[in-house]
Amino acid sequence: MYAGLPLTLGALALSACVSTPAPVARGPVVLDGVSYAVVKRPTGAVEVARVGRPFEDWEGQEARRAADRFCNGRAETSVRDRFQGSTWLIVGGCA
């Protein structure tokens, strides 16, 4: 009757150790009618580019809003985020 119980408990304990990545949005991100190309880099950072008109170095808040939408409200924004050419890099990526 309890023969499978240790196996089941062991599987449950192992499944608790595996972290699941934060979900990310599919396709382009659109905010207030503006489209953004958002990609997650292998480092986990999120790169945000505005479609049609490149970002300026003072538009970090707009990029952070797009990253937040991409990360389903869980972007890890910080003072380390940076402007690179015409894109913004959200260094912390998705939480």
PDB file of N, CA and C in Angstrom:
ATOM      1  N   MET A   1       0.812  -1.173   0.000  1.00  0.00           N
ATOM      2  CA  MET A   1       0.000   0.000   0.000  1.00  0.00           C
ATOM      3  C   MET A   1       0.874   1.263   0.000  1.00  0.00           C
ATOM      4  N   TYR A   2       1.983   1.308   0.752  1.00  0.00           N
ATOM      5  CA  TYR A   2       2.861   2.468   0.809  1.00  0.00           C
ATOM      6  C   TYR A   2       4.169   2.246   0.047  1.00  0.00           C
ATOM      7  N   ALA A   3       4.246   1.193  -0.757  1.00  0.00           N
ATOM      8  CA  ALA A   3       5.495   0.865  -1.442  1.00  0.00           C
ATOM      9  C   ALA A   3       5.945   1.985  -2.379  1.00  0.00           C
ATOM     10  N   GLY A   4       5.031   2.669  -3.039  1.00  0.00           N
ATOM     11  CA  GLY A   4       5.400   3.733  -3.979  1.00  0.00           C
ATOM     12  C   GLY A   4       5.573   5.085  -3.325  1.00  0.00           C
ATOM     13  N   LEU A   5       5.262   5.194  -2.042  1.00  0.00           N
ATOM     14  CA  LEU A   5       5.305   6.488  -1.359  1.00  0.00           C
ATOM     15  C   LEU A   5       6.703   7.104  -1.329  1.00  0.00           C
ATOM     16  N   PRO A   6       7.772   6.368  -0.969  1.00  0.00           N
ATOM     17  CA  PRO A   6       9.103   6.986  -0.963  1.00  0.00           C
ATOM     18  C   PRO A   6       9.511   7.479  -2.355  1.00  0.00           C
ATOM     19  N   LEU A   7       9.145   6.732  -3.391  1.00  0.00           N
ATOM     20  CA  LEU A   7       9.475   7.137  -4.752  1.00  0.00           C
ATOM     21  C   LEU A   7       8.743   8.430  -5.120  1.00  0.00           C
ATOM     22  N   THR A   8       7.485   8.510  -4.749  1.00  0.00           N
ATOM     23  CA  THR A   8       6.691   9.698  -5.043  1.00  0.00           C
ATOM     24  C   THR A   8       7.222  10.904  -4.290  1.00  0.00           C
ATOM     25  N   LEU A   9       7.534  10.738  -3.019  1.00  0.00           N
ATOM     26  CA  LEU A   9       8.070  11.846  -2.234  1.00  0.00           C
ATOM     27  C   LEU A   9       9.419  12.300  -2.761  1.00  0.00           C
ATOM     28  N   GLY A  10      10.233  11.352  -3.201  1.00  0.00           N
ATOM     29  CA  GLY A  10      11.540  11.693  -3.768  1.00  0.00           C
ATOM     30  C   GLY A  10      11.394  12.507  -5.043  1.00  0.00           C
ATOM     31  N   ALA A  11      10.455  12.124  -5.891  1.00  0.00           N
ATOM     32  CA  ALA A  11      10.213  12.864  -7.134  1.00  0.00           C
ATOM     33  C   ALA A  11       9.709  14.268  -6.837  1.00  0.00           C
ATOM     34  N   LEU A  12       8.843  14.390  -5.841  1.00  0.00           N
ATOM     35  CA  LEU A  12       8.342  15.713  -5.465  1.00  0.00           C
ATOM     36  C   LEU A  12       9.458  16.590  -4.924  1.00  0.00           C
ATOM     37  N   ALA A  13      10.328  16.010  -4.117  1.00  0.00           N
ATOM     38  CA  ALA A  13      11.439  16.767  -3.559  1.00  0.00           C
ATOM     39  C   ALA A  13      12.373  17.252  -4.664  1.00  0.00           C
ATOM     40  N   LEU A  14      12.653  16.410  -5.659  1.00  0.00           N
ATOM     41  CA  LEU A  14      13.519  16.809  -6.766  1.00  0.00           C
ATOM     42  C   LEU A  14      12.870  17.878  -7.628  1.00  0.00           C
ATOM     43  N   SER A  15      11.571  17.784  -7.837  1.00  0.00           N
ATOM     44  CA  SER A  15      10.902  18.776  -8.674  1.00  0.00           C
ATOM     45  C   SER A  15      10.924  20.151  -8.023  1.00  0.00           C
ATOM     46  N   ALA A  16      10.980  20.208  -6.718  1.00  0.00           N
ATOM     47  CA  ALA A  16      11.042  21.496  -6.026  1.00  0.00           C
ATOM     48  C   ALA A  16      12.398  22.171  -6.214  1.00  0.00           C
ATOM     49  N   CYS A  17      13.436  21.410  -6.546  1.00  0.00           N
ATOM     50  CA  CYS A  17      14.774  21.959  -6.726  1.00  0.00           C
ATOM     51  C   CYS A  17      14.976  22.584  -8.105  1.00  0.00           C
ATOM     52  N   VAL A  18      14.127  22.260  -9.045  1.00  0.00           N
ATOM     53  CA  VAL A  18      14.278  22.747 -10.406  1.00  0.00           C
ATOM     54  C   VAL A  18      13.554  24.081 -10.531  1.00  0.00           C
ATOM     55  N   SER A  19      14.280  25.110 -10.908  1.00  0.00           N
ATOM     56  CA  SER A  19      13.638  26.406 -11.072  1.00  0.00           C
ATOM     57  C   SER A  19      13.080  26.518 -12.480  1.00  0.00           C
ATOM     58  N   THR A  20      11.990  27.190 -12.617  1.00  0.00           N
ATOM     59  CA  THR A  20      11.394  27.404 -13.926  1.00  0.00           C
ATOM     60  C   THR A  20      11.648  28.840 -14.342  1.00  0.00           C
ATOM     61  N   PRO A  21      12.042  29.040 -15.593  1.00  0.00           N
ATOM     62  CA  PRO A  21      12.308  30.404 -16.036  1.00  0.00           C
ATOM     63  C   PRO A  21      11.022  31.222 -16.078  1.00  0.00           C
ATOM     64  N   ALA A  22      11.171  32.517 -15.902  1.00  0.00           N
ATOM     65  CA  ALA A  22      10.006  33.402 -15.968  1.00  0.00           C
ATOM     66  C   ALA A  22       9.438  33.378 -17.381  1.00  0.00           C
ATOM     67  N   PRO A  23       8.135  33.343 -17.522  1.00  0.00           N
ATOM     68  CA  PRO A  23       7.544  33.325 -18.855  1.00  0.00           C
ATOM     69  C   PRO A  23       7.813  34.637 -19.580  1.00  0.00           C
ATOM     70  N   VAL A  24       7.920  34.556 -20.886  1.00  0.00           N
ATOM     71  CA  VAL A  24       8.130  35.756 -21.687  1.00  0.00           C
ATOM     72  C   VAL A  24       7.044  35.846 -22.752  1.00  0.00           C
ATOM     73  N   ALA A  25       6.754  37.062 -23.195  1.00  0.00           N
ATOM     74  CA  ALA A  25       5.728  37.277 -24.200  1.00  0.00           C
ATOM     75  C   ALA A  25       6.189  36.736 -25.543  1.00  0.00           C
ATOM     76  N   ARG A  26       5.254  36.339 -26.360  1.00  0.00           N
ATOM     77  CA  ARG A  26       5.550  35.853 -27.707  1.00  0.00           C
ATOM     78  C   ARG A  26       5.298  36.986 -28.702  1.00  0.00           C
ATOM     79  N   GLY A  27       6.123  37.056 -29.737  1.00  0.00           N
ATOM     80  CA  GLY A  27       5.928  38.048 -30.780  1.00  0.00           C
ATOM     81  C   GLY A  27       6.376  39.434 -30.372  1.00  0.00           C
ATOM     82  N   PRO A  28       6.109  40.431 -31.231  1.00  0.00           N
ATOM     83  CA  PRO A  28       6.528  41.792 -30.903  1.00  0.00           C
ATOM     84  C   PRO A  28       5.719  42.350 -29.740  1.00  0.00           C
ATOM     85  N   VAL A  29       6.315  43.275 -29.039  1.00  0.00           N
ATOM     86  CA  VAL A  29       5.648  43.948 -27.924  1.00  0.00           C
ATOM     87  C   VAL A  29       5.084  45.253 -28.467  1.00  0.00           C
ATOM     88  N   VAL A  30       3.820  45.537 -28.156  1.00  0.00           N
ATOM     89  CA  VAL A  30       3.189  46.777 -28.593  1.00  0.00           C
ATOM     90  C   VAL A  30       2.666  47.515 -27.370  1.00  0.00           C
ATOM     91  N   LEU A  31       3.081  48.770 -27.217  1.00  0.00           N
ATOM     92  CA  LEU A  31       2.622  49.643 -26.129  1.00  0.00           C
ATOM     93  C   LEU A  31       2.151  50.954 -26.733  1.00  0.00           C
ATOM     94  N   ASP A  32       0.942  51.345 -26.459  1.00  0.00           N
ATOM     95  CA  ASP A  32       0.391  52.607 -26.948  1.00  0.00           C
ATOM     96  C   ASP A  32       0.573  52.762 -28.456  1.00  0.00           C
ATOM     97  N   GLY A  33       0.398  51.677 -29.205  1.00  0.00           N
ATOM     98  CA  GLY A  33       0.497  51.718 -30.658  1.00  0.00           C
ATOM     99  C   GLY A  33       1.903  51.685 -31.216  1.00  0.00           C
ATOM    100  N   VAL A  34       2.914  51.594 -30.368  1.00  0.00           N
ATOM    101  CA  VAL A  34       4.316  51.551 -30.804  1.00  0.00           C
ATOM    102  C   VAL A  34       4.828  50.122 -30.647  1.00  0.00           C
ATOM    103  N   SER A  35       5.500  49.607 -31.688  1.00  0.00           N
ATOM    104  CA  SER A  35       6.034  48.237 -31.658  1.00  0.00           C
ATOM    105  C   SER A  35       7.500  48.237 -31.230  1.00  0.00           C
ATOM    106  N   TYR A  36       7.854  47.208 -30.487  1.00  0.00           N
ATOM    107  CA  TYR A  36       9.227  47.027 -30.000  1.00  0.00           C
ATOM    108  C   TYR A  36       9.674  45.610 -30.320  1.00  0.00           C
ATOM    109  N   ALA A  37      10.906  45.483 -30.785  1.00  0.00           N
ATOM    110  CA  ALA A  37      11.528  44.178 -30.969  1.00  0.00           C
ATOM    111  C   ALA A  37      12.308  43.891 -29.694  1.00  0.00           C
ATOM    112  N   VAL A  38      11.915  42.834 -28.994  1.00  0.00           N
ATOM    113  CA  VAL A  38      12.545  42.511 -27.717  1.00  0.00           C
ATOM    114  C   VAL A  38      13.083  41.090 -27.795  1.00  0.00           C
ATOM    115  N   VAL A  39      14.343  40.908 -27.447  1.00  0.00           N
ATOM    116  CA  VAL A  39      14.963  39.586 -27.453  1.00  0.00           C
ATOM    117  C   VAL A  39      15.690  39.355 -26.143  1.00  0.00           C
ATOM    118  N   LYS A  40      15.735  38.098 -25.763  1.00  0.00           N
ATOM    119  CA  LYS A  40      16.479  37.711 -24.565  1.00  0.00           C
ATOM    120  C   LYS A  40      17.826  37.165 -25.014  1.00  0.00           C
ATOM    121  N   ARG A  41      18.897  37.760 -24.529  1.00  0.00           N
ATOM    122  CA  ARG A  41      20.250  37.321 -24.876  1.00  0.00           C
ATOM    123  C   ARG A  41      20.619  36.072 -24.085  1.00  0.00           C
ATOM    124  N   PRO A  42      21.633  35.327 -24.539  1.00  0.00           N
ATOM    125  CA  PRO A  42      22.080  34.139 -23.798  1.00  0.00           C
ATOM    126  C   PRO A  42      22.497  34.452 -22.353  1.00  0.00           C
ATOM    127  N   THR A  43      22.906  35.675 -22.088  1.00  0.00           N
ATOM    128  CA  THR A  43      23.289  36.068 -20.728  1.00  0.00           C
ATOM    129  C   THR A  43      22.074  36.269 -19.830  1.00  0.00           C
ATOM    130  N   GLY A  44      20.885  36.300 -20.425  1.00  0.00           N
ATOM    131  CA  GLY A  44      19.664  36.550 -19.675  1.00  0.00           C
ATOM    132  C   GLY A  44      19.201  37.984 -19.782  1.00  0.00           C
ATOM    133  N   ALA A  45      20.074  38.877 -20.257  1.00  0.00           N
ATOM    134  CA  ALA A  45      19.703  40.280 -20.442  1.00  0.00           C
ATOM    135  C   ALA A  45      18.644  40.393 -21.536  1.00  0.00           C
ATOM    136  N   VAL A  46      17.852  41.440 -21.477  1.00  0.00           N
ATOM    137  CA  VAL A  46      16.803  41.678 -22.464  1.00  0.00           C
ATOM    138  C   VAL A  46      17.181  42.916 -23.267  1.00  0.00           C
ATOM    139  N   GLU A  47      17.200  42.775 -24.594  1.00  0.00           N
ATOM    140  CA  GLU A  47      17.529  43.884 -25.485  1.00  0.00           C
ATOM    141  C   GLU A  47      16.243  44.397 -26.122  1.00  0.00           C
ATOM    142  N   VAL A  48      16.039  45.715 -26.056  1.00  0.00           N
ATOM    143  CA  VAL A  48      14.813  46.332 -26.554  1.00  0.00           C
ATOM    144  C   VAL A  48      15.159  47.329 -27.652  1.00  0.00           C
ATOM    145  N   ALA A  49      14.514  47.159 -28.818  1.00  0.00           N
ATOM    146  CA  ALA A  49      14.661  48.098 -29.929  1.00  0.00           C
ATOM    147  C   ALA A  49      13.270  48.572 -30.332  1.00  0.00           C
ATOM    148  N   ARG A  50      13.146  49.845 -30.603  1.00  0.00           N
ATOM    149  CA  ARG A  50      11.863  50.378 -31.075  1.00  0.00           C
ATOM    150  C   ARG A  50      11.823  50.209 -32.591  1.00  0.00           C
ATOM    151  N   VAL A  51      10.709  49.715 -33.111  1.00  0.00           N
ATOM    152  CA  VAL A  51      10.547  49.494 -34.546  1.00  0.00           C
ATOM    153  C   VAL A  51      10.160  50.820 -35.199  1.00  0.00           C
ATOM    154  N   GLY A  52      10.866  51.187 -36.262  1.00  0.00           N
ATOM    155  CA  GLY A  52      10.536  52.383 -37.021  1.00  0.00           C
ATOM    156  C   GLY A  52      11.356  53.608 -36.667  1.00  0.00           C
ATOM    157  N   ARG A  53      11.626  53.819 -35.416  1.00  0.00           N
ATOM    158  CA  ARG A  53      12.411  54.982 -34.983  1.00  0.00           C
ATOM    159  C   ARG A  53      13.334  54.534 -33.852  1.00  0.00           C
ATOM    160  N   PRO A  54      14.649  54.637 -34.060  1.00  0.00           N
ATOM    161  CA  PRO A  54      15.588  54.178 -33.026  1.00  0.00           C
ATOM    162  C   PRO A  54      15.415  54.941 -31.716  1.00  0.00           C
ATOM    163  N   PHE A  55      15.754  54.269 -30.631  1.00  0.00           N
ATOM    164  CA  PHE A  55      15.759  54.911 -29.315  1.00  0.00           C
ATOM    165  C   PHE A  55      16.836  55.987 -29.256  1.00  0.00           C
ATOM    166  N   GLU A  56      16.626  56.959 -28.403  1.00  0.00           N
ATOM    167  CA  GLU A  56      17.648  57.935 -28.028  1.00  0.00           C
ATOM    168  C   GLU A  56      18.152  57.530 -26.643  1.00  0.00           C
ATOM    169  N   ASP A  57      19.271  58.087 -26.233  1.00  0.00           N
ATOM    170  CA  ASP A  57      19.863  57.689 -24.951  1.00  0.00           C
ATOM    171  C   ASP A  57      19.037  58.117 -23.736  1.00  0.00           C
ATOM    172  N   TRP A  58      18.102  59.020 -23.892  1.00  0.00           N
ATOM    173  CA  TRP A  58      17.276  59.494 -22.780  1.00  0.00           C
ATOM    174  C   TRP A  58      15.943  58.753 -22.662  1.00  0.00           C
ATOM    175  N   GLU A  59      15.699  57.732 -23.500  1.00  0.00           N
ATOM    176  CA  GLU A  59      14.415  57.042 -23.529  1.00  0.00           C
ATOM    177  C   GLU A  59      14.427  55.689 -22.817  1.00  0.00           C
ATOM    178  N   GLY A  60      15.202  55.573 -21.773  1.00  0.00           N
ATOM    179  CA  GLY A  60      15.309  54.319 -21.042  1.00  0.00           C
ATOM    180  C   GLY A  60      14.013  53.876 -20.384  1.00  0.00           C
ATOM    181  N   GLN A  61      13.222  54.814 -19.887  1.00  0.00           N
ATOM    182  CA  GLN A  61      11.964  54.450 -19.223  1.00  0.00           C
ATOM    183  C   GLN A  61      11.011  53.764 -20.202  1.00  0.00           C
ATOM    184  N   GLU A  62      10.967  54.243 -21.423  1.00  0.00           N
ATOM    185  CA  GLU A  62      10.115  53.621 -22.438  1.00  0.00           C
ATOM    186  C   GLU A  62      10.591  52.197 -22.738  1.00  0.00           C
ATOM    187  N   ALA A  63      11.898  52.011 -22.834  1.00  0.00           N
ATOM    188  CA  ALA A  63      12.456  50.678 -23.069  1.00  0.00           C
ATOM    189  C   ALA A  63      12.162  49.749 -21.899  1.00  0.00           C
ATOM    190  N   ARG A  64      12.226  50.266 -20.694  1.00  0.00           N
ATOM    191  CA  ARG A  64      11.940  49.455 -19.503  1.00  0.00           C
ATOM    192  C   ARG A  64      10.482  49.015 -19.479  1.00  0.00           C
ATOM    193  N   ARG A  65       9.571  49.886 -19.929  1.00  0.00           N
ATOM    194  CA  ARG A  65       8.156  49.509 -20.001  1.00  0.00           C
ATOM    195  C   ARG A  65       7.948  48.362 -20.999  1.00  0.00           C
ATOM    196  N   ALA A  66       8.638  48.424 -22.148  1.00  0.00           N
ATOM    197  CA  ALA A  66       8.537  47.358 -23.144  1.00  0.00           C
ATOM    198  C   ALA A  66       9.128  46.059 -22.598  1.00  0.00           C
ATOM    199  N   ALA A  67      10.241  46.154 -21.896  1.00  0.00           N
ATOM    200  CA  ALA A  67      10.856  44.961 -21.290  1.00  0.00           C
ATOM    201  C   ALA A  67       9.930  44.360 -20.241  1.00  0.00           C
ATOM    202  N   ASP A  68       9.286  45.217 -19.481  1.00  0.00           N
ATOM    203  CA  ASP A  68       8.354  44.738 -18.457  1.00  0.00           C
ATOM    204  C   ASP A  68       7.193  43.978 -19.099  1.00  0.00           C
ATOM    205  N   ARG A  69       6.685  44.481 -20.215  1.00  0.00           N
ATOM    206  CA  ARG A  69       5.610  43.771 -20.925  1.00  0.00           C
ATOM    207  C   ARG A  69       6.111  42.428 -21.454  1.00  0.00           C
ATOM    208  N   PHE A  70       7.327  42.414 -22.003  1.00  0.00           N
ATOM    209  CA  PHE A  70       7.933  41.190 -22.524  1.00  0.00           C
ATOM    210  C   PHE A  70       8.083  40.137 -21.429  1.00  0.00           C
ATOM    211  N   CYS A  71       8.453  40.599 -20.237  1.00  0.00           N
ATOM    212  CA  CYS A  71       8.691  39.693 -19.103  1.00  0.00           C
ATOM    213  C   CYS A  71       7.421  39.465 -18.270  1.00  0.00           C
ATOM    214  N   ASN A  72       6.276  39.799 -18.807  1.00  0.00           N
ATOM    215  CA  ASN A  72       5.009  39.630 -18.090  1.00  0.00           C
ATOM    216  C   ASN A  72       5.024  40.336 -16.740  1.00  0.00           C
ATOM    217  N   GLY A  73       5.500  41.566 -16.746  1.00  0.00           N
ATOM    218  CA  GLY A  73       5.518  42.379 -15.531  1.00  0.00           C
ATOM    219  C   GLY A  73       6.661  42.084 -14.585  1.00  0.00           C
ATOM    220  N   ARG A  74       7.673  41.345 -15.048  1.00  0.00           N
ATOM    221  CA  ARG A  74       8.745  40.930 -14.148  1.00  0.00           C
ATOM    222  C   ARG A  74      10.136  41.269 -14.675  1.00  0.00           C
ATOM    223  N   ALA A  75      10.298  42.425 -15.300  1.00  0.00           N
ATOM    224  CA  ALA A  75      11.623  42.844 -15.764  1.00  0.00           C
ATOM    225  C   ALA A  75      12.438  43.320 -14.568  1.00  0.00           C
ATOM    226  N   GLU A  76      13.706  42.933 -14.543  1.00  0.00           N
ATOM    227  CA  GLU A  76      14.626  43.331 -13.468  1.00  0.00           C
ATOM    228  C   GLU A  76      15.391  44.578 -13.914  1.00  0.00           C
ATOM    229  N   THR A  77      14.742  45.723 -13.870  1.00  0.00           N
ATOM    230  CA  THR A  77      15.411  46.954 -14.275  1.00  0.00           C
ATOM    231  C   THR A  77      16.283  47.475 -13.141  1.00  0.00           C
ATOM    232  N   SER A  78      17.343  48.183 -13.517  1.00  0.00           N
ATOM    233  CA  SER A  78      18.264  48.722 -12.513  1.00  0.00           C
ATOM    234  C   SER A  78      19.077  49.857 -13.124  1.00  0.00           C
ATOM    235  N   VAL A  79      19.924  50.446 -12.332  1.00  0.00           N
ATOM    236  CA  VAL A  79      20.815  51.501 -12.818  1.00  0.00           C
ATOM    237  C   VAL A  79      21.884  50.940 -13.759  1.00  0.00           C
ATOM    238  N   ARG A  80      22.030  49.636 -13.811  1.00  0.00           N
ATOM    239  CA  ARG A  80      23.005  49.013 -14.717  1.00  0.00           C
ATOM    240  C   ARG A  80      22.496  48.912 -16.149  1.00  0.00           C
ATOM    241  N   ASP A  81      21.185  49.129 -16.376  1.00  0.00           N
ATOM    242  CA  ASP A  81      20.652  49.109 -17.739  1.00  0.00           C
ATOM    243  C   ASP A  81      21.378  50.166 -18.549  1.00  0.00           C
ATOM    244  N   ARG A  82      21.573  49.898 -19.845  1.00  0.00           N
ATOM    245  CA  ARG A  82      22.361  50.852 -20.620  1.00  0.00           C
ATOM    246  C   ARG A  82      21.903  50.972 -22.074  1.00  0.00           C
ATOM    247  N   PHE A  83      22.192  52.115 -22.632  1.00  0.00           N
ATOM    248  CA  PHE A  83      21.901  52.433 -24.015  1.00  0.00           C
ATOM    249  C   PHE A  83      23.061  51.946 -24.870  1.00  0.00           C
ATOM    250  N   GLN A  84      22.744  51.239 -25.961  1.00  0.00           N
ATOM    251  CA  GLN A  84      23.793  50.712 -26.839  1.00  0.00           C
ATOM    252  C   GLN A  84      23.423  51.009 -28.286  1.00  0.00           C
ATOM    253  N   GLY A  85      24.003  52.023 -28.854  1.00  0.00           N
ATOM    254  CA  GLY A  85      23.716  52.378 -30.249  1.00  0.00           C
ATOM    255  C   GLY A  85      22.310  52.918 -30.404  1.00  0.00           C
ATOM    256  N   SER A  86      21.356  52.063 -30.754  1.00  0.00           N
ATOM    257  CA  SER A  86      19.965  52.475 -30.901  1.00  0.00           C
ATOM    258  C   SER A  86      19.022  51.584 -30.089  1.00  0.00           C
ATOM    259  N   THR A  87      19.590  50.769 -29.213  1.00  0.00           N
ATOM    260  CA  THR A  87      18.788  49.867 -28.395  1.00  0.00           C
ATOM    261  C   THR A  87      19.105  50.073 -26.909  1.00  0.00           C
ATOM    262  N   TRP A  88      18.218  49.554 -26.074  1.00  0.00           N
ATOM    263  CA  TRP A  88      18.450  49.560 -24.631  1.00  0.00           C
ATOM    264  C   TRP A  88      18.647  48.139 -24.171  1.00  0.00           C
ATOM    265  N   LEU A  89      19.608  47.927 -23.291  1.00  0.00           N
ATOM    266  CA  LEU A  89      19.877  46.612 -22.717  1.00  0.00           C
ATOM    267  C   LEU A  89      19.436  46.625 -21.259  1.00  0.00           C
ATOM    268  N   ILE A  90      18.471  45.781 -20.943  1.00  0.00           N
ATOM    269  CA  ILE A  90      17.999  45.607 -19.564  1.00  0.00           C
ATOM    270  C   ILE A  90      18.822  44.452 -18.997  1.00  0.00           C
ATOM    271  N   VAL A  91      19.868  44.789 -18.279  1.00  0.00           N
ATOM    272  CA  VAL A  91      20.898  43.841 -17.860  1.00  0.00           C
ATOM    273  C   VAL A  91      20.339  42.703 -16.997  1.00  0.00           C
ATOM    274  N   GLY A  92      19.421  43.013 -16.095  1.00  0.00           N
ATOM    275  CA  GLY A  92      18.867  41.991 -15.193  1.00  0.00           C
ATOM    276  C   GLY A  92      17.914  41.025 -15.871  1.00  0.00           C
ATOM    277  N   GLY A  93      17.458  41.334 -17.070  1.00  0.00           N
ATOM    278  CA  GLY A  93      16.544  40.452 -17.788  1.00  0.00           C
ATOM    279  C   GLY A  93      15.206  40.309 -17.087  1.00  0.00           C
ATOM    280  N   CYS A  94      14.627  39.124 -17.195  1.00  0.00           N
ATOM    281  CA  CYS A  94      13.338  38.829 -16.581  1.00  0.00           C
ATOM    282  C   CYS A  94      13.560  38.135 -15.237  1.00  0.00           C
ATOM    283  N   ALA A  95      12.754  38.498 -14.270  1.00  0.00           N
ATOM    284  CA  ALA A  95      12.855  37.889 -12.929  1.00  0.00           C
ATOM    285  C   ALA A  95      12.233  36.513 -12.931  1.00  0.00           C
TER     286      ALA A  95
END
